[in-house]
Full PDB file with SEQRES, HELIX, SHEET, SSBOND, CRYST1, ORIGX, SCALE, CONECT and MASTER records, all heavy atoms in Angstrom:
SEQRES   1 A   31  PHE TYR TRP ASN GLN ASP PRO ALA THR TYR PHE ALA THR          
SEQRES   2 A   31  THR SER TYR GLU GLN GLN TRP GLU ASP HIS VAL LYS GLN          
SEQRES   3 A   31  SER GLU ALA PHE TRP                                          
HELIX    1 AA1 PRO A    7  THR A   13  1                                   7    
HELIX    2 AA2 TYR A   16  PHE A   30  1                                  15    
CRYST1    1.000    1.000    1.000  90.00  90.00  90.00 P 1           1          
ORIGX1      1.000000  0.000000  0.000000        0.00000                         
ORIGX2      0.000000  1.000000  0.000000        0.00000                         
ORIGX3      0.000000  0.000000  1.000000        0.00000                         
SCALE1      1.000000  0.000000  0.000000        0.00000                         
SCALE2      0.000000  1.000000  0.000000        0.00000                         
SCALE3      0.000000  0.000000  1.000000        0.00000                         
ATOM      1  N   PHE A   1       4.344  -6.565   2.877  1.00  0.00           N  
ATOM      2  CA  PHE A   1       3.146  -5.759   3.125  1.00  0.00           C  
ATOM      3  C   PHE A   1       2.028  -6.060   2.135  1.00  0.00           C  
ATOM      4  O   PHE A   1       0.874  -6.277   2.525  1.00  0.00           O  
ATOM      5  CB  PHE A   1       3.505  -4.269   3.064  1.00  0.00           C  
ATOM      6  CG  PHE A   1       2.327  -3.351   3.220  1.00  0.00           C  
ATOM      7  CD1 PHE A   1       1.776  -3.109   4.468  1.00  0.00           C  
ATOM      8  CD2 PHE A   1       1.762  -2.725   2.106  1.00  0.00           C  
ATOM      9  CE1 PHE A   1       0.685  -2.256   4.617  1.00  0.00           C  
ATOM     10  CE2 PHE A   1       0.668  -1.878   2.249  1.00  0.00           C  
ATOM     11  CZ  PHE A   1       0.121  -1.646   3.505  1.00  0.00           C  
ATOM     12  N   TYR A   2       2.343  -6.076   0.865  1.00  0.00           N  
ATOM     13  CA  TYR A   2       1.302  -6.308  -0.147  1.00  0.00           C  
ATOM     14  C   TYR A   2       0.926  -7.783  -0.235  1.00  0.00           C  
ATOM     15  O   TYR A   2      -0.249  -8.124  -0.404  1.00  0.00           O  
ATOM     16  CB  TYR A   2       1.769  -5.778  -1.499  1.00  0.00           C  
ATOM     17  CG  TYR A   2       1.952  -4.278  -1.503  1.00  0.00           C  
ATOM     18  CD1 TYR A   2       3.223  -3.718  -1.377  1.00  0.00           C  
ATOM     19  CD2 TYR A   2       0.864  -3.421  -1.587  1.00  0.00           C  
ATOM     20  CE1 TYR A   2       3.400  -2.333  -1.353  1.00  0.00           C  
ATOM     21  CE2 TYR A   2       1.019  -2.041  -1.560  1.00  0.00           C  
ATOM     22  CZ  TYR A   2       2.291  -1.505  -1.444  1.00  0.00           C  
ATOM     23  OH  TYR A   2       2.463  -0.141  -1.411  1.00  0.00           O  
ATOM     24  N   TRP A   3       1.930  -8.649  -0.114  1.00  0.00           N  
ATOM     25  CA  TRP A   3       1.659 -10.086  -0.213  1.00  0.00           C  
ATOM     26  C   TRP A   3       0.773 -10.573   0.919  1.00  0.00           C  
ATOM     27  O   TRP A   3       0.076 -11.598   0.770  1.00  0.00           O  
ATOM     28  CB  TRP A   3       2.972 -10.869  -0.230  1.00  0.00           C  
ATOM     29  CG  TRP A   3       3.854 -10.507  -1.374  1.00  0.00           C  
ATOM     30  CD1 TRP A   3       5.054  -9.868  -1.325  1.00  0.00           C  
ATOM     31  CD2 TRP A   3       3.589 -10.739  -2.774  1.00  0.00           C  
ATOM     32  NE1 TRP A   3       5.559  -9.684  -2.591  1.00  0.00           N  
ATOM     33  CE2 TRP A   3       4.686 -10.210  -3.497  1.00  0.00           C  
ATOM     34  CE3 TRP A   3       2.547 -11.335  -3.474  1.00  0.00           C  
ATOM     35  CZ2 TRP A   3       4.761 -10.262  -4.880  1.00  0.00           C  
ATOM     36  CZ3 TRP A   3       2.612 -11.393  -4.859  1.00  0.00           C  
ATOM     37  CH2 TRP A   3       3.712 -10.859  -5.551  1.00  0.00           C  
ATOM     38  N   ASN A   4       0.764  -9.880   2.039  1.00  0.00           N  
ATOM     39  CA  ASN A   4      -0.051 -10.295   3.180  1.00  0.00           C  
ATOM     40  C   ASN A   4      -1.476  -9.762   3.106  1.00  0.00           C  
ATOM     41  O   ASN A   4      -2.247  -9.935   4.054  1.00  0.00           O  
ATOM     42  CB  ASN A   4       0.597  -9.820   4.489  1.00  0.00           C  
ATOM     43  CG  ASN A   4       1.835 -10.623   4.833  1.00  0.00           C  
ATOM     44  OD1 ASN A   4       1.997 -11.761   4.389  1.00  0.00           O  
ATOM     45  ND2 ASN A   4       2.725 -10.041   5.629  1.00  0.00           N  
ATOM     46  N   GLN A   5      -1.831  -9.116   1.999  1.00  0.00           N  
ATOM     47  CA  GLN A   5      -3.174  -8.573   1.832  1.00  0.00           C  
ATOM     48  C   GLN A   5      -3.852  -9.174   0.607  1.00  0.00           C  
ATOM     49  O   GLN A   5      -3.190  -9.619  -0.327  1.00  0.00           O  
ATOM     50  CB  GLN A   5      -3.114  -7.051   1.682  1.00  0.00           C  
ATOM     51  CG  GLN A   5      -2.459  -6.352   2.853  1.00  0.00           C  
ATOM     52  CD  GLN A   5      -2.646  -4.861   2.789  1.00  0.00           C  
ATOM     53  OE1 GLN A   5      -3.764  -4.354   2.775  1.00  0.00           O  
ATOM     54  NE2 GLN A   5      -1.541  -4.125   2.764  1.00  0.00           N  
ATOM     55  N   ASP A   6      -5.156  -9.135   0.635  1.00  0.00           N  
ATOM     56  CA  ASP A   6      -5.929  -9.548  -0.538  1.00  0.00           C  
ATOM     57  C   ASP A   6      -5.953  -8.371  -1.510  1.00  0.00           C  
ATOM     58  O   ASP A   6      -6.412  -7.284  -1.155  1.00  0.00           O  
ATOM     59  CB  ASP A   6      -7.359  -9.913  -0.141  1.00  0.00           C  
ATOM     60  CG  ASP A   6      -8.230 -10.176  -1.353  1.00  0.00           C  
ATOM     61  OD1 ASP A   6      -7.976 -11.159  -2.064  1.00  0.00           O  
ATOM     62  OD2 ASP A   6      -9.145  -9.355  -1.595  1.00  0.00           O  
ATOM     63  N   PRO A   7      -5.440  -8.539  -2.733  1.00  0.00           N  
ATOM     64  CA  PRO A   7      -5.342  -7.399  -3.646  1.00  0.00           C  
ATOM     65  C   PRO A   7      -6.682  -6.763  -3.994  1.00  0.00           C  
ATOM     66  O   PRO A   7      -6.783  -5.538  -4.090  1.00  0.00           O  
ATOM     67  CB  PRO A   7      -4.658  -7.989  -4.883  1.00  0.00           C  
ATOM     68  CG  PRO A   7      -4.829  -9.464  -4.772  1.00  0.00           C  
ATOM     69  CD  PRO A   7      -4.868  -9.764  -3.314  1.00  0.00           C  
ATOM     70  N   ALA A   8      -7.716  -7.572  -4.166  1.00  0.00           N  
ATOM     71  CA  ALA A   8      -9.033  -7.016  -4.514  1.00  0.00           C  
ATOM     72  C   ALA A   8      -9.547  -6.121  -3.389  1.00  0.00           C  
ATOM     73  O   ALA A   8     -10.071  -5.023  -3.642  1.00  0.00           O  
ATOM     74  CB  ALA A   8     -10.021  -8.148  -4.795  1.00  0.00           C  
ATOM     75  N   THR A   9      -9.375  -6.574  -2.159  1.00  0.00           N  
ATOM     76  CA  THR A   9      -9.824  -5.780  -1.019  1.00  0.00           C  
ATOM     77  C   THR A   9      -8.994  -4.507  -0.873  1.00  0.00           C  
ATOM     78  O   THR A   9      -9.538  -3.422  -0.617  1.00  0.00           O  
ATOM     79  CB  THR A   9      -9.715  -6.606   0.277  1.00  0.00           C  
ATOM     80  OG1 THR A   9     -10.527  -7.783   0.149  1.00  0.00           O  
ATOM     81  CG2 THR A   9     -10.171  -5.797   1.478  1.00  0.00           C  
ATOM     82  N   TYR A  10      -7.689  -4.640  -1.069  1.00  0.00           N  
ATOM     83  CA  TYR A  10      -6.806  -3.470  -0.934  1.00  0.00           C  
ATOM     84  C   TYR A  10      -7.195  -2.376  -1.910  1.00  0.00           C  
ATOM     85  O   TYR A  10      -7.371  -1.211  -1.522  1.00  0.00           O  
ATOM     86  CB  TYR A  10      -5.352  -3.885  -1.151  1.00  0.00           C  
ATOM     87  CG  TYR A  10      -4.380  -2.725  -1.058  1.00  0.00           C  
ATOM     88  CD1 TYR A  10      -3.955  -2.254   0.180  1.00  0.00           C  
ATOM     89  CD2 TYR A  10      -3.895  -2.094  -2.207  1.00  0.00           C  
ATOM     90  CE1 TYR A  10      -3.072  -1.180   0.280  1.00  0.00           C  
ATOM     91  CE2 TYR A  10      -3.013  -1.029  -2.116  1.00  0.00           C  
ATOM     92  CZ  TYR A  10      -2.604  -0.573  -0.871  1.00  0.00           C  
ATOM     93  OH  TYR A  10      -1.741   0.494  -0.778  1.00  0.00           O  
ATOM     94  N   PHE A  11      -7.335  -2.724  -3.177  1.00  0.00           N  
ATOM     95  CA  PHE A  11      -7.653  -1.702  -4.177  1.00  0.00           C  
ATOM     96  C   PHE A  11      -9.062  -1.145  -4.016  1.00  0.00           C  
ATOM     97  O   PHE A  11      -9.312   0.020  -4.325  1.00  0.00           O  
ATOM     98  CB  PHE A  11      -7.464  -2.267  -5.584  1.00  0.00           C  
ATOM     99  CG  PHE A  11      -6.017  -2.446  -5.971  1.00  0.00           C  
ATOM    100  CD1 PHE A  11      -5.531  -3.682  -6.352  1.00  0.00           C  
ATOM    101  CD2 PHE A  11      -5.141  -1.374  -5.942  1.00  0.00           C  
ATOM    102  CE1 PHE A  11      -4.195  -3.854  -6.708  1.00  0.00           C  
ATOM    103  CE2 PHE A  11      -3.806  -1.525  -6.290  1.00  0.00           C  
ATOM    104  CZ  PHE A  11      -3.336  -2.768  -6.671  1.00  0.00           C  
ATOM    105  N   ALA A  12      -9.988  -1.962  -3.506  1.00  0.00           N  
ATOM    106  CA  ALA A  12     -11.371  -1.510  -3.337  1.00  0.00           C  
ATOM    107  C   ALA A  12     -11.525  -0.569  -2.149  1.00  0.00           C  
ATOM    108  O   ALA A  12     -12.438   0.261  -2.129  1.00  0.00           O  
ATOM    109  CB  ALA A  12     -12.300  -2.714  -3.174  1.00  0.00           C  
ATOM    110  N   THR A  13     -10.656  -0.701  -1.165  1.00  0.00           N  
ATOM    111  CA  THR A  13     -10.838   0.059   0.074  1.00  0.00           C  
ATOM    112  C   THR A  13      -9.757   1.115   0.316  1.00  0.00           C  
ATOM    113  O   THR A  13      -9.810   1.826   1.333  1.00  0.00           O  
ATOM    114  CB  THR A  13     -10.848  -0.901   1.288  1.00  0.00           C  
ATOM    115  OG1 THR A  13      -9.596  -1.609   1.355  1.00  0.00           O  
ATOM    116  CG2 THR A  13     -11.992  -1.895   1.173  1.00  0.00           C  
ATOM    117  N   THR A  14      -8.797   1.243  -0.599  1.00  0.00           N  
ATOM    118  CA  THR A  14      -7.678   2.157  -0.389  1.00  0.00           C  
ATOM    119  C   THR A  14      -7.637   3.222  -1.473  1.00  0.00           C  
ATOM    120  O   THR A  14      -7.580   2.895  -2.663  1.00  0.00           O  
ATOM    121  CB  THR A  14      -6.336   1.383  -0.382  1.00  0.00           C  
ATOM    122  OG1 THR A  14      -6.440   0.260   0.491  1.00  0.00           O  
ATOM    123  CG2 THR A  14      -5.196   2.278   0.077  1.00  0.00           C  
ATOM    124  N   SER A  15      -7.681   4.464  -1.082  1.00  0.00           N  
ATOM    125  CA  SER A  15      -7.648   5.562  -2.049  1.00  0.00           C  
ATOM    126  C   SER A  15      -6.287   5.652  -2.712  1.00  0.00           C  
ATOM    127  O   SER A  15      -5.285   5.111  -2.214  1.00  0.00           O  
ATOM    128  CB  SER A  15      -7.948   6.889  -1.345  1.00  0.00           C  
ATOM    129  OG  SER A  15      -6.877   7.229  -0.465  1.00  0.00           O  
ATOM    130  N   TYR A  16      -6.236   6.368  -3.834  1.00  0.00           N  
ATOM    131  CA  TYR A  16      -4.964   6.578  -4.523  1.00  0.00           C  
ATOM    132  C   TYR A  16      -3.936   7.246  -3.607  1.00  0.00           C  
ATOM    133  O   TYR A  16      -2.765   6.884  -3.595  1.00  0.00           O  
ATOM    134  CB  TYR A  16      -5.178   7.432  -5.775  1.00  0.00           C  
ATOM    135  CG  TYR A  16      -5.378   6.636  -7.050  1.00  0.00           C  
ATOM    136  CD1 TYR A  16      -5.565   5.258  -7.020  1.00  0.00           C  
ATOM    137  CD2 TYR A  16      -5.371   7.269  -8.293  1.00  0.00           C  
ATOM    138  CE1 TYR A  16      -5.748   4.537  -8.182  1.00  0.00           C  
ATOM    139  CE2 TYR A  16      -5.550   6.550  -9.467  1.00  0.00           C  
ATOM    140  CZ  TYR A  16      -5.741   5.188  -9.413  1.00  0.00           C  
ATOM    141  OH  TYR A  16      -5.910   4.480 -10.568  1.00  0.00           O  
ATOM    142  N   GLU A  17      -4.396   8.222  -2.826  1.00  0.00           N  
ATOM    143  CA  GLU A  17      -3.470   8.925  -1.948  1.00  0.00           C  
ATOM    144  C   GLU A  17      -2.902   7.994  -0.882  1.00  0.00           C  
ATOM    145  O   GLU A  17      -1.713   8.066  -0.558  1.00  0.00           O  
ATOM    146  CB  GLU A  17      -4.160  10.130  -1.294  1.00  0.00           C  
ATOM    147  CG  GLU A  17      -4.403  11.286  -2.249  1.00  0.00           C  
ATOM    148  CD  GLU A  17      -3.115  11.734  -2.942  1.00  0.00           C  
ATOM    149  OE1 GLU A  17      -2.107  11.950  -2.239  1.00  0.00           O  
ATOM    150  OE2 GLU A  17      -3.124  11.858  -4.173  1.00  0.00           O  
ATOM    151  N   GLN A  18      -3.750   7.124  -0.345  1.00  0.00           N  
ATOM    152  CA  GLN A  18      -3.256   6.184   0.663  1.00  0.00           C  
ATOM    153  C   GLN A  18      -2.345   5.138   0.021  1.00  0.00           C  
ATOM    154  O   GLN A  18      -1.359   4.705   0.632  1.00  0.00           O  
ATOM    155  CB  GLN A  18      -4.418   5.493   1.377  1.00  0.00           C  
ATOM    156  CG  GLN A  18      -3.965   4.571   2.511  1.00  0.00           C  
ATOM    157  CD  GLN A  18      -3.142   5.288   3.564  1.00  0.00           C  
ATOM    158  OE1 GLN A  18      -3.577   6.305   4.105  1.00  0.00           O  
ATOM    159  NE2 GLN A  18      -1.949   4.773   3.866  1.00  0.00           N  
ATOM    160  N   GLN A  19      -2.660   4.742  -1.208  1.00  0.00           N  
ATOM    161  CA  GLN A  19      -1.789   3.798  -1.917  1.00  0.00           C  
ATOM    162  C   GLN A  19      -0.396   4.391  -2.105  1.00  0.00           C  
ATOM    163  O   GLN A  19       0.611   3.702  -1.918  1.00  0.00           O  
ATOM    164  CB  GLN A  19      -2.407   3.440  -3.267  1.00  0.00           C  
ATOM    165  CG  GLN A  19      -3.640   2.559  -3.171  1.00  0.00           C  
ATOM    166  CD  GLN A  19      -4.319   2.356  -4.518  1.00  0.00           C  
ATOM    167  OE1 GLN A  19      -3.673   2.338  -5.556  1.00  0.00           O  
ATOM    168  NE2 GLN A  19      -5.641   2.205  -4.502  1.00  0.00           N  
ATOM    169  N   TRP A  20      -0.348   5.651  -2.467  1.00  0.00           N  
ATOM    170  CA  TRP A  20       0.960   6.303  -2.617  1.00  0.00           C  
ATOM    171  C   TRP A  20       1.649   6.425  -1.269  1.00  0.00           C  
ATOM    172  O   TRP A  20       2.861   6.213  -1.158  1.00  0.00           O  
ATOM    173  CB  TRP A  20       0.815   7.672  -3.266  1.00  0.00           C  
ATOM    174  CG  TRP A  20       2.128   8.394  -3.350  1.00  0.00           C  
ATOM    175  CD1 TRP A  20       2.525   9.481  -2.615  1.00  0.00           C  
ATOM    176  CD2 TRP A  20       3.246   8.064  -4.180  1.00  0.00           C  
ATOM    177  NE1 TRP A  20       3.801   9.844  -2.940  1.00  0.00           N  
ATOM    178  CE2 TRP A  20       4.275   8.992  -3.906  1.00  0.00           C  
ATOM    179  CE3 TRP A  20       3.469   7.076  -5.142  1.00  0.00           C  
ATOM    180  CZ2 TRP A  20       5.509   8.962  -4.547  1.00  0.00           C  
ATOM    181  CZ3 TRP A  20       4.703   7.038  -5.787  1.00  0.00           C  
ATOM    182  CH2 TRP A  20       5.712   7.972  -5.495  1.00  0.00           C  
ATOM    183  N   GLU A  21       0.909   6.758  -0.231  1.00  0.00           N  
ATOM    184  CA  GLU A  21       1.489   6.868   1.104  1.00  0.00           C  
ATOM    185  C   GLU A  21       2.069   5.531   1.556  1.00  0.00           C  
ATOM    186  O   GLU A  21       3.130   5.485   2.191  1.00  0.00           O  
ATOM    187  CB  GLU A  21       0.430   7.342   2.103  1.00  0.00           C  
ATOM    188  CG  GLU A  21       0.957   7.610   3.505  1.00  0.00           C  
ATOM    189  CD  GLU A  21       2.013   8.693   3.558  1.00  0.00           C  
ATOM    190  OE1 GLU A  21       2.002   9.594   2.701  1.00  0.00           O  
ATOM    191  OE2 GLU A  21       2.864   8.637   4.475  1.00  0.00           O  
ATOM    192  N   ASP A  22       1.401   4.431   1.203  1.00  0.00           N  
ATOM    193  CA  ASP A  22       1.937   3.108   1.533  1.00  0.00           C  
ATOM    194  C   ASP A  22       3.258   2.871   0.804  1.00  0.00           C  
ATOM    195  O   ASP A  22       4.202   2.301   1.371  1.00  0.00           O  
ATOM    196  CB  ASP A  22       0.933   2.015   1.136  1.00  0.00           C  
ATOM    197  CG  ASP A  22      -0.279   1.966   2.050  1.00  0.00           C  
ATOM    198  OD1 ASP A  22      -0.203   2.489   3.180  1.00  0.00           O  
ATOM    199  OD2 ASP A  22      -1.313   1.404   1.627  1.00  0.00           O  
ATOM    200  N   HIS A  23       3.319   3.317  -0.436  1.00  0.00           N  
ATOM    201  CA  HIS A  23       4.565   3.158  -1.198  1.00  0.00           C  
ATOM    202  C   HIS A  23       5.682   4.010  -0.588  1.00  0.00           C  
ATOM    203  O   HIS A  23       6.838   3.564  -0.513  1.00  0.00           O  
ATOM    204  CB  HIS A  23       4.340   3.552  -2.659  1.00  0.00           C  
ATOM    205  CG  HIS A  23       5.533   3.319  -3.533  1.00  0.00           C  
ATOM    206  ND1 HIS A  23       6.036   2.064  -3.787  1.00  0.00           N  
ATOM    207  CD2 HIS A  23       6.345   4.185  -4.193  1.00  0.00           C  
ATOM    208  CE1 HIS A  23       7.099   2.153  -4.573  1.00  0.00           C  
ATOM    209  NE2 HIS A  23       7.305   3.431  -4.821  1.00  0.00           N  
ATOM    210  N   VAL A  24       5.346   5.198  -0.142  1.00  0.00           N  
ATOM    211  CA  VAL A  24       6.332   6.071   0.500  1.00  0.00           C  
ATOM    212  C   VAL A  24       6.840   5.426   1.786  1.00  0.00           C  
ATOM    213  O   VAL A  24       8.053   5.397   2.045  1.00  0.00           O  
ATOM    214  CB  VAL A  24       5.729   7.454   0.797  1.00  0.00           C  
ATOM    215  CG1 VAL A  24       6.673   8.280   1.671  1.00  0.00           C  
ATOM    216  CG2 VAL A  24       5.446   8.199  -0.506  1.00  0.00           C  
ATOM    217  N   LYS A  25       5.923   4.910   2.608  1.00  0.00           N  
ATOM    218  CA  LYS A  25       6.325   4.283   3.871  1.00  0.00           C  
ATOM    219  C   LYS A  25       7.220   3.076   3.615  1.00  0.00           C  
ATOM    220  O   LYS A  25       8.210   2.864   4.332  1.00  0.00           O  
ATOM    221  CB  LYS A  25       5.086   3.868   4.655  1.00  0.00           C  
ATOM    222  CG  LYS A  25       4.305   5.032   5.243  1.00  0.00           C  
ATOM    223  CD  LYS A  25       3.066   4.546   5.986  1.00  0.00           C  
ATOM    224  CE  LYS A  25       2.274   5.700   6.580  1.00  0.00           C  
ATOM    225  NZ  LYS A  25       1.039   5.228   7.261  1.00  0.00           N  
ATOM    226  N   GLN A  26       6.868   2.278   2.616  1.00  0.00           N  
ATOM    227  CA  GLN A  26       7.698   1.119   2.279  1.00  0.00           C  
ATOM    228  C   GLN A  26       9.093   1.570   1.845  1.00  0.00           C  
ATOM    229  O   GLN A  26      10.115   1.037   2.292  1.00  0.00           O  
ATOM    230  CB  GLN A  26       7.050   0.304   1.160  1.00  0.00           C  
ATOM    231  CG  GLN A  26       7.838  -0.940   0.786  1.00  0.00           C  
ATOM    232  CD  GLN A  26       7.337  -1.598  -0.485  1.00  0.00           C  
ATOM    233  OE1 GLN A  26       7.351  -0.981  -1.562  1.00  0.00           O  
ATOM    234  NE2 GLN A  26       6.873  -2.829  -0.390  1.00  0.00           N  
ATOM    235  N   SER A  27       9.137   2.577   0.984  1.00  0.00           N  
ATOM    236  CA  SER A  27      10.414   3.074   0.471  1.00  0.00           C  
ATOM    237  C   SER A  27      11.279   3.649   1.581  1.00  0.00           C  
ATOM    238  O   SER A  27      12.499   3.438   1.610  1.00  0.00           O  
ATOM    239  CB  SER A  27      10.166   4.136  -0.610  1.00  0.00           C  
ATOM    240  OG  SER A  27       9.421   3.589  -1.682  1.00  0.00           O  
ATOM    241  N   GLU A  28      10.664   4.378   2.504  1.00  0.00           N  
ATOM    242  CA  GLU A  28      11.420   4.956   3.618  1.00  0.00           C  
ATOM    243  C   GLU A  28      11.947   3.873   4.559  1.00  0.00           C  
ATOM    244  O   GLU A  28      13.061   3.982   5.088  1.00  0.00           O  
ATOM    245  CB  GLU A  28      10.549   5.957   4.365  1.00  0.00           C  
ATOM    246  CG  GLU A  28      10.267   7.213   3.551  1.00  0.00           C  
ATOM    247  CD  GLU A  28       9.341   8.199   4.221  1.00  0.00           C  
ATOM    248  OE1 GLU A  28       8.661   7.800   5.193  1.00  0.00           O  
ATOM    249  OE2 GLU A  28       9.294   9.365   3.794  1.00  0.00           O  
ATOM    250  N   ALA A  29      11.165   2.824   4.756  1.00  0.00           N  
ATOM    251  CA  ALA A  29      11.627   1.711   5.584  1.00  0.00           C  
ATOM    252  C   ALA A  29      12.802   0.993   4.943  1.00  0.00           C  
ATOM    253  O   ALA A  29      13.717   0.522   5.625  1.00  0.00           O  
ATOM    254  CB  ALA A  29      10.479   0.728   5.825  1.00  0.00           C  
ATOM    255  N   PHE A  30      12.797   0.930   3.616  1.00  0.00           N  
ATOM    256  CA  PHE A  30      13.865   0.244   2.883  1.00  0.00           C  
ATOM    257  C   PHE A  30      15.128   1.091   2.734  1.00  0.00           C  
ATOM    258  O   PHE A  30      16.201   0.550   2.461  1.00  0.00           O  
ATOM    259  CB  PHE A  30      13.385  -0.104   1.475  1.00  0.00           C  
ATOM    260  CG  PHE A  30      12.386  -1.230   1.404  1.00  0.00           C  
ATOM    261  CD1 PHE A  30      11.787  -1.539   0.185  1.00  0.00           C  
ATOM    262  CD2 PHE A  30      12.050  -1.979   2.516  1.00  0.00           C  
ATOM    263  CE1 PHE A  30      10.869  -2.582   0.088  1.00  0.00           C  
ATOM    264  CE2 PHE A  30      11.118  -3.018   2.440  1.00  0.00           C  
ATOM    265  CZ  PHE A  30      10.532  -3.314   1.210  1.00  0.00           C  
ATOM    266  N   TRP A  31      15.023   2.411   2.902  1.00  0.00           N  
ATOM    267  CA  TRP A  31      16.086   3.289   2.447  1.00  0.00           C  
ATOM    268  C   TRP A  31      17.426   3.069   3.140  1.00  0.00           C  
ATOM    269  O   TRP A  31      18.466   2.971   2.470  1.00  0.00           O  
ATOM    270  CB  TRP A  31      15.673   4.752   2.564  1.00  0.00           C  
ATOM    271  CG  TRP A  31      16.758   5.694   2.133  1.00  0.00           C  
ATOM    272  CD1 TRP A  31      17.342   6.684   2.872  1.00  0.00           C  
ATOM    273  CD2 TRP A  31      17.415   5.716   0.856  1.00  0.00           C  
ATOM    274  NE1 TRP A  31      18.309   7.327   2.143  1.00  0.00           N  
ATOM    275  CE2 TRP A  31      18.378   6.753   0.896  1.00  0.00           C  
ATOM    276  CE3 TRP A  31      17.287   4.968  -0.309  1.00  0.00           C  
ATOM    277  CZ2 TRP A  31      19.207   7.050  -0.182  1.00  0.00           C  
ATOM    278  CZ3 TRP A  31      18.116   5.262  -1.395  1.00  0.00           C  
ATOM    279  CH2 TRP A  31      19.062   6.289  -1.323  1.00  0.00           C  
TER     280      TRP A  31                                                      
MASTER        0    0    0    2    0    0    0    6  279    1    0    3          
END                                                                             
């Protein structure tokens, strides 16, 4: 998920809350 994105664009356009939500979704998919 992260490797397929440009990091500068991701951090510039994604709020902290959405960043955490992405981490939650990744973790739930892995669980």
